[in-house]
Amino acid sequence: MNTALITGCSSGYGLETARHFLANGWNVIATMRTPRDGLFAQTDRIRILALDVTSPGSIAAAIEAAGPIDALVNNAGIGVVGAFEATPMAHVRKVFETNTFGTMAMAQAVIPQMRARRSGVIVNVTSSVTLAPMPLAAAYTASKQAIEGFTGSLAHELAAFNVRARLVEPGYAPTTRFAANTDIPVMDLIPEAYADFAGPIFAGFANPALTTRESDVAEAVWRAANDTTARLRYPAGADAVALAQAG
């Protein structure tokens, strides 16, 4: 039976993806910074592990405890919304530590075992901002664009060992609390000079024409993990699909 290790499973895409893999018969190692009970139905196919993707020690401990991994799903991430000029560089670095370097570190940790078995898949969850950059999200967009390039290169690098690398690009899902993991209130990052510009954008967030469901992302990750073709990108949600088709 296949085993998936999924990061960022305390809520949102990660939680829904873990449930989707369980429903389809996989063993799941659901990781999160602070494990908590009650997220999953009782089954011996689920294990919950503590994991901070910004900590090398935490990564090493989780990989050792997990055992053989057939699919790594890098979903853990943090958002930041605001004018770039008002975003402290310390917070920009924090976004990159989780979204970019955390994803890279997790991949580096599992590649040796996948290469040795000549089997496995790494699915990196980015965002539709890589298809159409969103205003007031420059740092977040940059952190996800970096993973797009990283994954494309990695896919070529690992193909000789029958290990696949994939991208899932979710659209906007209001239920995921995009900036919930940031420690800076959004309005602190909107200087007065940006107020007129930011107003219509926040109105668009509140009433988007198209949205993405968490189940859309879970299904896209599932397809990416099980697709044995050379396909790299999997837009998730009606809005992301529309952006991808628009080119």
Protein backbone atom coordinates (compact mmCIF):
# COMPACT_ATOMS: atom_id res chain seq x y z
CA MET A 1 0.00 0.00 0.00
CA ASN A 2 1.35 3.44 -0.93
CA THR A 3 2.23 6.06 1.67
CA ALA A 4 1.96 9.83 1.29
CA LEU A 5 3.60 12.36 3.59
CA ILE A 6 1.70 15.64 3.41
CA THR A 7 2.85 18.88 5.06
CA GLY A 8 0.58 21.56 6.49
CA CYS A 9 -2.33 19.27 7.37
CA SER A 10 -3.86 21.21 10.26
CA SER A 11 -6.40 22.91 7.96
CA GLY A 12 -7.20 23.93 4.39
CA TYR A 13 -5.70 22.20 1.39
CA GLY A 14 -3.44 19.94 3.43
CA LEU A 15 -6.22 18.59 5.62
CA GLU A 16 -8.53 18.00 2.66
CA THR A 17 -5.74 16.36 0.67
CA ALA A 18 -4.88 14.00 3.51
CA ARG A 19 -8.53 12.99 3.80
CA HIS A 20 -8.73 12.46 0.03
CA PHE A 21 -5.70 10.14 -0.01
CA LEU A 22 -7.13 8.21 2.93
CA ALA A 23 -10.48 7.82 1.16
CA ASN A 24 -8.64 6.41 -1.84
CA GLY A 25 -6.85 3.71 0.14
CA TRP A 26 -3.41 5.22 0.81
CA ASN A 27 -1.55 5.33 4.08
CA VAL A 28 -1.13 8.97 5.11
CA ILE A 29 1.41 10.68 7.30
CA ALA A 30 -0.22 14.01 8.07
CA THR A 31 2.26 16.55 9.39
CA MET A 32 1.77 19.90 11.06
CA ARG A 33 3.69 22.15 13.42
CA THR A 34 1.42 21.39 16.36
CA PRO A 35 -0.38 18.02 16.10
CA ARG A 36 -3.96 17.88 17.30
CA ASP A 37 -6.62 15.21 17.56
CA GLY A 38 -10.03 15.04 15.93
CA LEU A 39 -8.97 15.91 12.37
CA PHE A 40 -9.43 12.44 10.92
CA ALA A 41 -11.72 9.47 11.33
CA GLN A 42 -10.18 6.61 13.30
CA THR A 43 -8.11 4.36 11.04
CA ASP A 44 -4.75 2.61 11.28
CA ARG A 45 -3.79 4.18 7.92
CA ILE A 46 -3.26 7.67 9.38
CA ARG A 47 -0.34 8.92 11.43
CA ILE A 48 0.05 12.49 12.64
CA LEU A 49 3.58 13.80 13.09
CA ALA A 50 4.98 17.12 14.28
CA LEU A 51 6.93 18.86 11.53
CA ASP A 52 8.31 22.36 11.10
CA VAL A 53 9.61 22.61 7.54
CA THR A 54 11.92 25.48 8.53
CA SER A 55 13.79 23.27 11.03
CA PRO A 56 16.38 20.77 9.74
CA GLY A 57 16.13 18.76 12.96
CA SER A 58 12.35 18.56 12.74
CA ILE A 59 12.55 17.46 9.10
CA ALA A 60 15.10 14.74 9.87
CA ALA A 61 13.05 13.41 12.79
CA ALA A 62 9.83 13.31 10.76
CA ILE A 63 11.45 11.56 7.79
CA GLU A 64 13.02 8.95 10.07
CA ALA A 65 9.71 8.33 11.86
CA ALA A 66 7.77 8.16 8.59
CA GLY A 67 9.67 5.32 6.96
CA PRO A 68 9.37 4.71 3.19
CA ILE A 69 7.47 7.50 1.41
CA ASP A 70 5.91 7.03 -2.01
CA ALA A 71 4.56 10.57 -2.38
CA LEU A 72 5.71 13.78 -0.73
CA VAL A 73 3.16 16.59 -0.89
CA ASN A 74 4.70 19.95 -0.02
CA ASN A 75 1.66 21.96 0.97
CA ALA A 76 2.80 23.90 4.07
CA GLY A 77 2.95 27.61 3.40
CA ILE A 78 2.26 31.09 4.71
CA GLY A 79 0.78 34.09 2.95
CA VAL A 80 1.31 37.81 3.19
CA VAL A 81 -0.92 40.52 1.75
CA GLY A 82 0.19 44.12 1.58
CA ALA A 83 2.22 46.70 -0.29
CA PHE A 84 5.75 45.43 -0.75
CA GLU A 85 7.34 48.70 0.35
CA ALA A 86 5.64 48.31 3.74
CA THR A 87 6.51 44.64 4.22
CA PRO A 88 9.49 44.19 6.58
CA MET A 89 12.31 42.22 4.99
CA ALA A 90 12.34 39.99 8.06
CA HIS A 91 8.83 38.89 7.11
CA VAL A 92 9.77 38.45 3.45
CA ARG A 93 12.50 36.08 4.61
CA LYS A 94 10.02 34.25 6.84
CA VAL A 95 7.74 33.68 3.84
CA PHE A 96 10.65 32.30 1.81
CA GLU A 97 11.84 30.10 4.68
CA THR A 98 8.51 28.25 4.69
CA ASN A 99 7.24 28.46 1.13
CA THR A 100 10.53 28.12 -0.72
CA PHE A 101 13.35 26.76 1.42
CA GLY A 102 11.03 24.54 3.44
CA THR A 103 9.75 22.93 0.25
CA MET A 104 13.29 22.48 -1.06
CA ALA A 105 14.51 21.00 2.24
CA MET A 106 11.67 18.46 2.32
CA ALA A 107 12.41 17.42 -1.25
CA GLN A 108 16.10 17.04 -0.49
CA ALA A 109 15.26 14.88 2.52
CA VAL A 110 13.17 12.33 0.59
CA ILE A 111 15.02 12.18 -2.74
CA PRO A 112 17.70 9.71 -1.56
CA GLN A 113 15.17 7.03 -0.61
CA MET A 114 13.09 7.58 -3.77
CA ARG A 115 16.19 7.49 -5.95
CA ALA A 116 17.38 4.28 -4.31
CA ARG A 117 14.00 2.61 -4.92
CA ARG A 118 13.73 4.23 -8.37
CA SER A 119 10.17 5.17 -7.51
CA GLY A 120 8.29 8.09 -6.02
CA VAL A 121 6.71 11.47 -6.66
CA ILE A 122 7.14 14.94 -5.16
CA VAL A 123 4.12 17.24 -5.51
CA ASN A 124 4.76 20.90 -4.75
CA VAL A 125 1.71 23.08 -4.14
CA THR A 126 2.23 26.63 -5.43
CA SER A 127 -0.52 29.07 -6.44
CA SER A 128 -2.35 30.60 -9.36
CA VAL A 129 -0.33 33.78 -8.67
CA THR A 130 2.39 32.00 -10.66
CA LEU A 131 0.01 32.06 -13.64
CA ALA A 132 -1.10 35.67 -13.17
CA PRO A 133 0.76 37.66 -10.48
CA MET A 134 -1.58 39.25 -7.96
CA PRO A 135 -1.10 42.80 -6.65
CA LEU A 136 -0.34 43.27 -2.96
CA ALA A 137 1.30 39.82 -2.84
CA ALA A 138 4.76 40.42 -4.28
CA ALA A 139 6.72 38.49 -1.64
CA TYR A 140 4.31 35.56 -1.66
CA THR A 141 4.30 35.45 -5.47
CA ALA A 142 8.09 35.46 -5.58
CA SER A 143 8.29 32.60 -3.08
CA LYS A 144 5.94 30.47 -5.18
CA GLN A 145 7.51 31.41 -8.52
CA ALA A 146 10.81 30.13 -7.18
CA ILE A 147 9.24 26.73 -6.54
CA GLU A 148 7.83 26.66 -10.08
CA GLY A 149 11.35 26.95 -11.54
CA PHE A 150 12.79 24.59 -8.93
CA THR A 151 10.23 21.88 -9.67
CA GLY A 152 10.61 22.13 -13.44
CA SER A 153 14.36 21.65 -13.13
CA LEU A 154 13.97 18.90 -10.53
CA ALA A 155 11.62 16.96 -12.80
CA HIS A 156 14.36 16.71 -15.42
CA GLU A 157 16.99 15.86 -12.83
CA LEU A 158 15.03 12.99 -11.27
CA ALA A 159 13.49 11.47 -14.41
CA ALA A 160 16.51 9.19 -14.91
CA PHE A 161 15.67 7.56 -11.56
CA ASN A 162 11.95 7.15 -12.30
CA VAL A 163 11.12 9.80 -9.69
CA ARG A 164 8.59 12.43 -10.70
CA ALA A 165 8.21 16.08 -9.65
CA ARG A 166 4.88 17.86 -10.07
CA LEU A 167 3.27 21.26 -9.52
CA VAL A 168 -0.28 21.88 -8.32
CA GLU A 169 -1.39 25.48 -8.82
CA PRO A 170 -4.49 26.29 -6.74
CA GLY A 171 -6.71 29.25 -7.44
CA TYR A 172 -8.18 31.54 -4.80
CA ALA A 173 -10.06 29.76 -2.02
CA PRO A 174 -11.66 32.14 0.51
CA THR A 175 -11.97 29.30 3.04
CA THR A 176 -8.19 28.82 3.36
CA ARG A 177 -7.57 32.08 5.26
CA PHE A 178 -4.74 33.06 2.92
CA ALA A 179 -2.87 35.34 5.33
CA ALA A 180 -3.89 33.59 8.56
CA ASN A 181 -0.36 32.38 9.30
CA THR A 182 1.21 35.81 9.05
CA ASP A 183 2.05 37.66 12.26
CA ILE A 184 1.45 41.10 10.73
CA PRO A 185 -2.12 42.43 10.36
CA VAL A 186 -2.94 43.09 6.72
CA MET A 187 -3.89 46.72 7.26
CA ASP A 188 -0.48 47.40 8.82
CA LEU A 189 0.97 46.69 5.37
CA ILE A 190 -1.28 49.10 3.47
CA PRO A 191 0.15 52.64 3.68
CA GLU A 192 -2.31 55.48 3.19
CA ALA A 193 -0.88 56.15 -0.26
CA TYR A 194 -2.13 52.69 -1.35
CA ALA A 195 -5.64 52.97 0.10
CA ASP A 196 -7.40 53.85 -3.16
CA PHE A 197 -5.51 51.15 -5.02
CA ALA A 198 -6.11 48.46 -2.39
CA GLY A 199 -9.84 49.06 -1.92
CA PRO A 200 -11.06 47.47 -5.17
CA ILE A 201 -8.61 44.59 -4.76
CA PHE A 202 -9.94 43.70 -1.32
CA ALA A 203 -13.49 44.01 -2.69
CA GLY A 204 -12.51 41.49 -5.35
CA PHE A 205 -11.21 39.13 -2.67
CA ALA A 206 -14.55 39.36 -0.89
CA ASN A 207 -16.60 38.70 -4.03
CA PRO A 208 -14.46 36.74 -6.51
CA ALA A 209 -15.97 35.80 -9.87
CA LEU A 210 -14.44 32.32 -9.66
CA THR A 211 -13.11 30.45 -6.66
CA THR A 212 -11.36 27.22 -5.81
CA ARG A 213 -12.71 24.58 -3.45
CA GLU A 214 -10.39 22.71 -1.13
CA SER A 215 -11.65 19.51 -2.74
CA ASP A 216 -10.47 20.81 -6.15
CA VAL A 217 -6.94 21.05 -4.81
CA ALA A 218 -7.08 17.64 -3.13
CA GLU A 219 -8.21 16.05 -6.40
CA ALA A 220 -5.48 17.84 -8.37
CA VAL A 221 -2.81 16.64 -5.92
CA TRP A 222 -4.21 13.11 -6.19
CA ARG A 223 -4.04 13.20 -9.98
CA ALA A 224 -0.54 14.65 -9.92
CA ALA A 225 0.69 11.95 -7.55
CA ASN A 226 -0.77 9.13 -9.63
CA ASP A 227 -0.10 10.41 -13.15
CA THR A 228 2.86 8.54 -14.68
CA THR A 229 3.10 10.79 -17.76
CA ALA A 230 5.59 13.65 -18.10
CA ARG A 231 3.01 16.30 -17.23
CA LEU A 232 4.37 18.96 -14.87
CA ARG A 233 1.54 21.39 -14.00
CA TYR A 234 -1.94 20.79 -12.58
CA PRO A 235 -4.06 23.95 -12.16
CA ALA A 236 -6.69 23.44 -9.46
CA GLY A 237 -10.04 25.23 -9.41
CA ALA A 238 -12.07 27.00 -12.06
CA ASP A 239 -10.16 30.26 -11.71
CA ALA A 240 -6.73 28.63 -11.97
CA VAL A 241 -7.81 26.53 -14.94
CA ALA A 242 -9.10 29.66 -16.71
CA LEU A 243 -5.80 31.45 -16.09
CA ALA A 244 -3.79 28.49 -17.37
CA GLN A 245 -5.88 28.28 -20.52
CA ALA A 246 -5.48 32.02 -21.10
CA GLY A 247 -1.75 31.46 -21.19
